[in-house]
Amino acid sequence: MKMRATGFAALLLGGACFADDADRVSLLGAWESTEGTDQGNKVTWQLEANGEALHIIYVQGNQKLAEFTCATDGRECATKESGHAAKMSLWYNGSKLVMLETKGSDVVKRRFGIADAGGQMDVEMIPIMPTSRAETVHFKRTKTDLPNK
């Protein structure tokens, strides 16, 4: 009986791991915000696999705010965002990609997750310091990837 219960638990956990991997892969690509029809307000994220790391490009309107490559093991990566020094940390929590951004004394946590059967990505922005209200922005997959400028 113990053997059967152990096998069943392994099957359930293994299936959850494969589901997480599929969701993680579906995060890759270019995503454009569905809010704000004005081109200057559009936010775009591009996530590309780069070995054990992710290459991320963050654009608002026509301005590239950040471009960096960081491992997904939680270690900090030094980069610049909007011309200011910043530190990013990336890791997965189940199927969601978590990004912790530190810029001076400001700290923001973002959680990227797939919704709507893969047709939508939700990015939950949670200000840590200074504290304020969390918000979720919805994104749709774009037809083409962003140029690496």
N, C-alpha and C. Protein backbone atom coordinates (compact mmCIF):
# COMPACT_ATOMS: atom_id res chain seq x y z
N MET A 1 0.82 -1.19 0.00
CA MET A 1 0.00 0.00 0.00
C MET A 1 0.86 1.26 0.00
N LYS A 2 1.96 1.24 0.81
CA LYS A 2 2.85 2.39 0.85
C LYS A 2 3.48 2.63 -0.51
N MET A 3 3.84 1.54 -1.19
CA MET A 3 4.47 1.66 -2.51
C MET A 3 3.51 2.32 -3.50
N ARG A 4 2.26 1.94 -3.44
CA ARG A 4 1.25 2.49 -4.35
C ARG A 4 1.05 3.98 -4.06
N ALA A 5 0.98 4.37 -2.79
CA ALA A 5 0.79 5.77 -2.40
C ALA A 5 2.01 6.59 -2.80
N THR A 6 3.21 6.03 -2.62
CA THR A 6 4.43 6.74 -3.01
C THR A 6 4.46 6.94 -4.53
N GLY A 7 4.10 5.92 -5.27
CA GLY A 7 4.07 6.02 -6.73
C GLY A 7 3.06 7.05 -7.21
N PHE A 8 1.90 7.08 -6.57
CA PHE A 8 0.87 8.04 -6.93
C PHE A 8 1.33 9.47 -6.65
N ALA A 9 1.97 9.67 -5.48
CA ALA A 9 2.49 11.01 -5.13
C ALA A 9 3.56 11.44 -6.12
N ALA A 10 4.43 10.54 -6.51
CA ALA A 10 5.48 10.87 -7.48
C ALA A 10 4.88 11.25 -8.83
N LEU A 11 3.84 10.52 -9.23
CA LEU A 11 3.17 10.82 -10.49
C LEU A 11 2.54 12.20 -10.47
N LEU A 12 1.87 12.54 -9.36
CA LEU A 12 1.25 13.86 -9.24
C LEU A 12 2.29 14.97 -9.24
N LEU A 13 3.35 14.81 -8.46
CA LEU A 13 4.39 15.83 -8.40
C LEU A 13 5.13 15.95 -9.72
N GLY A 14 5.40 14.83 -10.36
CA GLY A 14 6.07 14.86 -11.67
C GLY A 14 5.23 15.58 -12.70
N GLY A 15 3.92 15.34 -12.69
CA GLY A 15 3.03 16.02 -13.62
C GLY A 15 3.01 17.51 -13.37
N ALA A 16 3.05 17.92 -12.10
CA ALA A 16 3.08 19.35 -11.77
C ALA A 16 4.36 19.98 -12.27
N CYS A 17 5.49 19.28 -12.15
CA CYS A 17 6.77 19.83 -12.64
C CYS A 17 6.74 20.02 -14.13
N PHE A 18 6.19 19.04 -14.88
CA PHE A 18 6.11 19.18 -16.33
C PHE A 18 5.19 20.32 -16.71
N ALA A 19 4.09 20.50 -15.97
CA ALA A 19 3.19 21.61 -16.25
C ALA A 19 3.90 22.94 -16.01
N ASP A 20 4.68 23.03 -14.93
CA ASP A 20 5.44 24.25 -14.66
C ASP A 20 6.42 24.54 -15.78
N ASP A 21 7.13 23.51 -16.26
CA ASP A 21 8.08 23.69 -17.36
C ASP A 21 7.39 24.20 -18.61
N ALA A 22 6.23 23.64 -18.93
CA ALA A 22 5.49 24.09 -20.12
C ALA A 22 5.06 25.54 -19.97
N ASP A 23 4.59 25.93 -18.78
CA ASP A 23 4.19 27.31 -18.54
C ASP A 23 5.40 28.24 -18.61
N ARG A 24 6.54 27.78 -18.09
CA ARG A 24 7.75 28.60 -18.12
C ARG A 24 8.18 28.85 -19.56
N VAL A 25 8.14 27.84 -20.38
CA VAL A 25 8.51 27.99 -21.79
C VAL A 25 7.53 28.91 -22.50
N SER A 26 6.26 28.85 -22.14
CA SER A 26 5.27 29.69 -22.82
C SER A 26 5.42 31.17 -22.45
N LEU A 27 6.20 31.49 -21.41
CA LEU A 27 6.50 32.89 -21.09
C LEU A 27 7.44 33.52 -22.11
N LEU A 28 8.23 32.69 -22.79
CA LEU A 28 9.23 33.21 -23.73
C LEU A 28 8.55 33.87 -24.91
N GLY A 29 9.18 34.94 -25.40
CA GLY A 29 8.66 35.67 -26.55
C GLY A 29 8.45 37.13 -26.21
N ALA A 30 7.80 37.84 -27.11
CA ALA A 30 7.53 39.27 -26.92
C ALA A 30 6.06 39.45 -26.56
N TRP A 31 5.82 40.30 -25.55
CA TRP A 31 4.48 40.54 -25.02
C TRP A 31 4.22 42.05 -24.96
N GLU A 32 3.04 42.46 -25.41
CA GLU A 32 2.66 43.88 -25.43
C GLU A 32 1.46 44.09 -24.53
N SER A 33 1.48 45.18 -23.76
CA SER A 33 0.37 45.46 -22.84
C SER A 33 -0.93 45.67 -23.62
N THR A 34 -2.00 45.22 -23.02
CA THR A 34 -3.31 45.40 -23.65
C THR A 34 -3.95 46.70 -23.22
N GLU A 35 -3.46 47.31 -22.14
CA GLU A 35 -3.97 48.60 -21.67
C GLU A 35 -3.21 49.72 -22.38
N GLY A 36 -3.84 50.86 -22.50
CA GLY A 36 -3.19 52.03 -23.09
C GLY A 36 -3.01 51.90 -24.58
N THR A 37 -3.93 52.40 -25.33
CA THR A 37 -3.84 52.30 -26.79
C THR A 37 -2.86 53.30 -27.36
N ASP A 38 -2.52 54.33 -26.60
CA ASP A 38 -1.55 55.32 -27.05
C ASP A 38 -0.18 54.66 -27.12
N GLN A 39 0.50 54.77 -28.25
CA GLN A 39 1.80 54.11 -28.47
C GLN A 39 2.81 54.51 -27.40
N GLY A 40 2.76 55.72 -26.89
CA GLY A 40 3.70 56.16 -25.87
C GLY A 40 3.50 55.47 -24.53
N ASN A 41 2.32 54.89 -24.33
CA ASN A 41 2.03 54.21 -23.06
C ASN A 41 2.21 52.70 -23.14
N LYS A 42 2.36 52.14 -24.35
CA LYS A 42 2.48 50.70 -24.51
C LYS A 42 3.73 50.20 -23.81
N VAL A 43 3.60 49.12 -23.08
CA VAL A 43 4.73 48.47 -22.43
C VAL A 43 4.93 47.12 -23.10
N THR A 44 6.18 46.80 -23.40
CA THR A 44 6.50 45.53 -24.04
C THR A 44 7.62 44.85 -23.26
N TRP A 45 7.44 43.56 -23.02
CA TRP A 45 8.47 42.71 -22.42
C TRP A 45 8.86 41.66 -23.43
N GLN A 46 10.15 41.42 -23.57
CA GLN A 46 10.63 40.31 -24.39
C GLN A 46 11.49 39.43 -23.50
N LEU A 47 11.15 38.16 -23.44
CA LEU A 47 11.89 37.20 -22.63
C LEU A 47 12.45 36.12 -23.55
N GLU A 48 13.76 35.92 -23.50
CA GLU A 48 14.42 34.94 -24.35
C GLU A 48 15.28 34.03 -23.48
N ALA A 49 15.26 32.74 -23.77
CA ALA A 49 16.12 31.79 -23.06
C ALA A 49 17.55 32.02 -23.52
N ASN A 50 18.47 31.97 -22.56
CA ASN A 50 19.90 32.13 -22.85
C ASN A 50 20.65 31.17 -21.94
N GLY A 51 20.62 29.88 -22.29
CA GLY A 51 21.18 28.85 -21.43
C GLY A 51 20.37 28.74 -20.16
N GLU A 52 21.02 28.86 -19.01
CA GLU A 52 20.34 28.81 -17.72
C GLU A 52 19.84 30.20 -17.29
N ALA A 53 19.98 31.17 -18.16
CA ALA A 53 19.60 32.55 -17.85
C ALA A 53 18.47 33.00 -18.78
N LEU A 54 17.94 34.18 -18.48
CA LEU A 54 16.96 34.82 -19.35
C LEU A 54 17.53 36.16 -19.82
N HIS A 55 17.33 36.45 -21.09
CA HIS A 55 17.66 37.76 -21.65
C HIS A 55 16.33 38.50 -21.71
N ILE A 56 16.27 39.67 -21.06
CA ILE A 56 15.01 40.41 -20.94
C ILE A 56 15.18 41.82 -21.49
N ILE A 57 14.21 42.23 -22.30
CA ILE A 57 14.17 43.59 -22.83
C ILE A 57 12.83 44.19 -22.39
N TYR A 58 12.90 45.40 -21.83
CA TYR A 58 11.73 46.09 -21.30
C TYR A 58 11.63 47.43 -22.02
N VAL A 59 10.51 47.65 -22.74
CA VAL A 59 10.32 48.85 -23.56
C VAL A 59 9.00 49.53 -23.18
N GLN A 60 9.03 50.87 -23.11
CA GLN A 60 7.79 51.63 -22.95
C GLN A 60 7.73 52.61 -24.10
N GLY A 61 6.65 52.52 -24.89
CA GLY A 61 6.55 53.34 -26.09
C GLY A 61 7.66 52.95 -27.05
N ASN A 62 8.49 53.93 -27.42
CA ASN A 62 9.63 53.66 -28.30
C ASN A 62 10.95 53.67 -27.54
N GLN A 63 10.90 53.75 -26.22
CA GLN A 63 12.11 53.87 -25.42
C GLN A 63 12.42 52.56 -24.69
N LYS A 64 13.62 52.02 -24.94
CA LYS A 64 14.06 50.84 -24.24
C LYS A 64 14.50 51.25 -22.84
N LEU A 65 13.81 50.76 -21.82
CA LEU A 65 14.12 51.12 -20.45
C LEU A 65 15.19 50.21 -19.84
N ALA A 66 15.21 48.94 -20.24
CA ALA A 66 16.19 48.01 -19.69
C ALA A 66 16.42 46.86 -20.66
N GLU A 67 17.65 46.34 -20.63
CA GLU A 67 18.01 45.12 -21.34
C GLU A 67 19.10 44.46 -20.52
N PHE A 68 18.86 43.22 -20.13
CA PHE A 68 19.83 42.52 -19.30
C PHE A 68 19.66 41.01 -19.44
N THR A 69 20.69 40.29 -19.04
CA THR A 69 20.67 38.84 -18.98
C THR A 69 20.98 38.44 -17.55
N CYS A 70 20.16 37.57 -16.99
CA CYS A 70 20.31 37.20 -15.58
C CYS A 70 19.90 35.74 -15.41
N ALA A 71 20.64 35.01 -14.57
CA ALA A 71 20.28 33.62 -14.25
C ALA A 71 18.99 33.61 -13.44
N THR A 72 18.31 32.47 -13.47
CA THR A 72 17.03 32.35 -12.75
C THR A 72 17.20 31.62 -11.42
N ASP A 73 18.37 31.79 -10.79
CA ASP A 73 18.64 31.13 -9.52
C ASP A 73 18.54 32.07 -8.33
N GLY A 74 18.08 33.31 -8.56
CA GLY A 74 17.89 34.26 -7.48
C GLY A 74 19.08 35.17 -7.19
N ARG A 75 20.23 34.90 -7.85
CA ARG A 75 21.39 35.77 -7.63
C ARG A 75 21.16 37.12 -8.30
N GLU A 76 21.70 38.18 -7.70
CA GLU A 76 21.54 39.53 -8.25
C GLU A 76 22.38 39.73 -9.50
N CYS A 77 21.83 40.50 -10.43
CA CYS A 77 22.53 40.91 -11.64
C CYS A 77 22.52 42.43 -11.67
N ALA A 78 23.67 43.02 -11.89
CA ALA A 78 23.75 44.48 -12.01
C ALA A 78 23.35 44.88 -13.42
N THR A 79 22.55 45.93 -13.54
CA THR A 79 22.12 46.43 -14.84
C THR A 79 21.76 47.90 -14.70
N LYS A 80 21.20 48.46 -15.75
CA LYS A 80 20.69 49.82 -15.72
C LYS A 80 19.24 49.78 -16.18
N GLU A 81 18.41 50.60 -15.51
CA GLU A 81 17.04 50.78 -15.95
C GLU A 81 16.80 52.26 -16.05
N SER A 82 16.37 52.69 -17.21
CA SER A 82 16.15 54.11 -17.49
C SER A 82 17.40 54.92 -17.18
N GLY A 83 18.58 54.35 -17.43
CA GLY A 83 19.84 55.04 -17.22
C GLY A 83 20.34 55.04 -15.79
N HIS A 84 19.62 54.42 -14.86
CA HIS A 84 20.01 54.37 -13.45
C HIS A 84 20.45 52.97 -13.08
N ALA A 85 21.47 52.88 -12.23
CA ALA A 85 21.95 51.58 -11.77
C ALA A 85 20.82 50.83 -11.07
N ALA A 86 20.72 49.54 -11.36
CA ALA A 86 19.70 48.70 -10.76
C ALA A 86 20.25 47.30 -10.57
N LYS A 87 19.63 46.56 -9.67
CA LYS A 87 19.96 45.16 -9.45
C LYS A 87 18.69 44.36 -9.66
N MET A 88 18.82 43.26 -10.40
CA MET A 88 17.68 42.38 -10.68
C MET A 88 18.00 41.00 -10.14
N SER A 89 16.99 40.32 -9.66
CA SER A 89 17.08 38.92 -9.27
C SER A 89 15.90 38.21 -9.92
N LEU A 90 16.15 37.04 -10.50
CA LEU A 90 15.10 36.25 -11.14
C LEU A 90 15.05 34.86 -10.56
N TRP A 91 13.85 34.33 -10.38
CA TRP A 91 13.67 32.94 -9.99
C TRP A 91 12.25 32.53 -10.34
N TYR A 92 12.04 31.23 -10.35
CA TYR A 92 10.70 30.70 -10.61
C TYR A 92 10.05 30.28 -9.30
N ASN A 93 8.79 30.62 -9.16
CA ASN A 93 7.96 30.13 -8.07
C ASN A 93 6.84 29.35 -8.75
N GLY A 94 7.02 28.04 -8.85
CA GLY A 94 6.09 27.22 -9.62
C GLY A 94 6.20 27.60 -11.08
N SER A 95 5.09 27.94 -11.69
CA SER A 95 5.08 28.31 -13.11
C SER A 95 5.33 29.80 -13.34
N LYS A 96 5.42 30.58 -12.27
CA LYS A 96 5.60 32.03 -12.41
C LYS A 96 7.06 32.44 -12.32
N LEU A 97 7.43 33.39 -13.15
CA LEU A 97 8.75 34.00 -13.09
C LEU A 97 8.65 35.19 -12.15
N VAL A 98 9.53 35.24 -11.16
CA VAL A 98 9.54 36.34 -10.21
C VAL A 98 10.79 37.19 -10.47
N MET A 99 10.60 38.50 -10.53
CA MET A 99 11.70 39.45 -10.73
C MET A 99 11.67 40.44 -9.57
N LEU A 100 12.80 40.54 -8.88
CA LEU A 100 12.94 41.53 -7.81
C LEU A 100 13.90 42.59 -8.31
N GLU A 101 13.41 43.82 -8.41
CA GLU A 101 14.19 44.95 -8.93
C GLU A 101 14.49 45.91 -7.80
N THR A 102 15.78 46.23 -7.63
CA THR A 102 16.19 47.20 -6.63
C THR A 102 16.89 48.35 -7.34
N LYS A 103 16.34 49.55 -7.18
CA LYS A 103 16.90 50.75 -7.79
C LYS A 103 16.99 51.80 -6.69
N GLY A 104 18.22 51.97 -6.14
CA GLY A 104 18.39 52.85 -4.99
C GLY A 104 17.65 52.25 -3.81
N SER A 105 16.75 53.02 -3.20
CA SER A 105 15.97 52.49 -2.07
C SER A 105 14.62 51.94 -2.53
N ASP A 106 14.31 52.01 -3.83
CA ASP A 106 13.05 51.49 -4.36
C ASP A 106 13.19 50.00 -4.69
N VAL A 107 12.23 49.21 -4.26
CA VAL A 107 12.23 47.77 -4.52
C VAL A 107 10.84 47.40 -5.05
N VAL A 108 10.83 46.73 -6.21
CA VAL A 108 9.58 46.29 -6.82
C VAL A 108 9.71 44.81 -7.15
N LYS A 109 8.67 44.06 -6.82
CA LYS A 109 8.62 42.65 -7.18
C LYS A 109 7.59 42.49 -8.29
N ARG A 110 7.97 41.75 -9.34
CA ARG A 110 7.05 41.47 -10.43
C ARG A 110 6.91 39.95 -10.55
N ARG A 111 5.68 39.51 -10.81
CA ARG A 111 5.43 38.10 -11.05
C ARG A 111 4.79 37.95 -12.42
N PHE A 112 5.48 37.24 -13.30
CA PHE A 112 5.04 37.00 -14.67
C PHE A 112 4.38 35.62 -14.71
N GLY A 113 3.15 35.56 -15.20
CA GLY A 113 2.45 34.29 -15.28
C GLY A 113 1.56 34.21 -16.50
N ILE A 114 1.37 33.00 -16.99
CA ILE A 114 0.51 32.78 -18.16
C ILE A 114 -0.93 32.62 -17.70
N ALA A 115 -1.83 33.25 -18.42
CA ALA A 115 -3.26 33.16 -18.14
C ALA A 115 -4.00 32.90 -19.44
N ASP A 116 -5.27 32.64 -19.34
CA ASP A 116 -6.13 32.53 -20.53
C ASP A 116 -5.60 31.49 -21.51
N ALA A 117 -5.27 30.30 -21.02
CA ALA A 117 -4.81 29.18 -21.85
C ALA A 117 -3.62 29.57 -22.73
N GLY A 118 -2.74 30.41 -22.22
CA GLY A 118 -1.52 30.76 -22.95
C GLY A 118 -1.64 31.97 -23.84
N GLY A 119 -2.83 32.51 -24.01
CA GLY A 119 -3.01 33.66 -24.89
C GLY A 119 -2.74 35.00 -24.21
N GLN A 120 -2.51 34.96 -22.91
CA GLN A 120 -2.30 36.20 -22.17
C GLN A 120 -1.24 35.97 -21.09
N MET A 121 -0.44 37.00 -20.86
CA MET A 121 0.50 36.99 -19.76
C MET A 121 0.09 38.09 -18.80
N ASP A 122 0.05 37.78 -17.52
CA ASP A 122 -0.24 38.77 -16.49
C ASP A 122 1.04 39.08 -15.74
N VAL A 123 1.29 40.36 -15.52
CA VAL A 123 2.44 40.79 -14.73
C VAL A 123 1.90 41.53 -13.52
N GLU A 124 2.11 40.93 -12.37
CA GLU A 124 1.68 41.54 -11.11
C GLU A 124 2.87 42.35 -10.58
N MET A 125 2.66 43.66 -10.36
CA MET A 125 3.70 44.54 -9.84
C MET A 125 3.37 44.84 -8.38
N ILE A 126 4.32 44.49 -7.51
CA ILE A 126 4.11 44.65 -6.07
C ILE A 126 5.21 45.56 -5.52
N PRO A 127 4.91 46.82 -5.27
CA PRO A 127 5.92 47.71 -4.68
C PRO A 127 6.24 47.27 -3.25
N ILE A 128 7.53 47.05 -2.96
CA ILE A 128 7.97 46.64 -1.63
C ILE A 128 8.39 47.88 -0.84
N MET A 129 9.24 48.71 -1.43
CA MET A 129 9.71 49.96 -0.81
C MET A 129 9.67 51.05 -1.87
N PRO A 130 9.05 52.15 -1.73
CA PRO A 130 8.03 52.42 -0.72
C PRO A 130 6.80 51.57 -1.02
N THR A 131 6.05 51.28 0.00
CA THR A 131 4.88 50.44 -0.18
C THR A 131 3.76 51.23 -0.83
N SER A 132 3.06 50.56 -1.70
CA SER A 132 1.85 51.12 -2.30
C SER A 132 1.02 49.94 -2.81
N ARG A 133 -0.03 50.24 -3.51
CA ARG A 133 -0.96 49.21 -3.96
C ARG A 133 -0.38 48.41 -5.12
N ALA A 134 -0.53 47.10 -5.07
CA ALA A 134 -0.10 46.22 -6.16
C ALA A 134 -1.07 46.38 -7.33
N GLU A 135 -0.57 46.14 -8.53
CA GLU A 135 -1.43 46.17 -9.71
C GLU A 135 -1.02 45.07 -10.66
N THR A 136 -1.95 44.65 -11.49
CA THR A 136 -1.70 43.61 -12.49
C THR A 136 -1.93 44.20 -13.87
N VAL A 137 -0.96 44.00 -14.75
CA VAL A 137 -1.06 44.46 -16.14
C VAL A 137 -1.15 43.23 -17.03
N HIS A 138 -2.04 43.27 -18.01
CA HIS A 138 -2.28 42.15 -18.91
C HIS A 138 -1.54 42.41 -20.23
N PHE A 139 -0.96 41.33 -20.77
CA PHE A 139 -0.19 41.42 -22.01
C PHE A 139 -0.67 40.36 -22.99
N LYS A 140 -0.55 40.68 -24.27
CA LYS A 140 -0.83 39.70 -25.33
C LYS A 140 0.47 39.48 -26.10
N ARG A 141 0.60 38.30 -26.65
CA ARG A 141 1.80 37.98 -27.42
C ARG A 141 1.83 38.82 -28.69
N THR A 142 3.00 39.36 -29.02
CA THR A 142 3.13 40.14 -30.25
C THR A 142 3.51 39.21 -31.39
N LYS A 143 3.31 39.68 -32.59
CA LYS A 143 3.61 38.87 -33.78
C LYS A 143 5.12 38.71 -33.98
N THR A 144 5.85 39.74 -33.64
CA THR A 144 7.31 39.69 -33.86
C THR A 144 8.04 40.07 -32.58
N ASP A 145 9.26 39.60 -32.49
CA ASP A 145 10.10 39.97 -31.36
C ASP A 145 10.62 41.38 -31.53
N LEU A 146 11.08 41.96 -30.44
CA LEU A 146 11.62 43.32 -30.47
C LEU A 146 13.01 43.31 -31.08
N PRO A 147 13.38 44.37 -31.77
CA PRO A 147 14.77 44.44 -32.27
C PRO A 147 15.72 44.67 -31.11
N ASN A 148 16.90 44.09 -31.17
CA ASN A 148 17.93 44.31 -30.15
C ASN A 148 18.70 45.57 -30.53
N LYS A 149 18.25 46.69 -30.02
CA LYS A 149 18.90 47.96 -30.34
C LYS A 149 20.02 48.23 -29.37
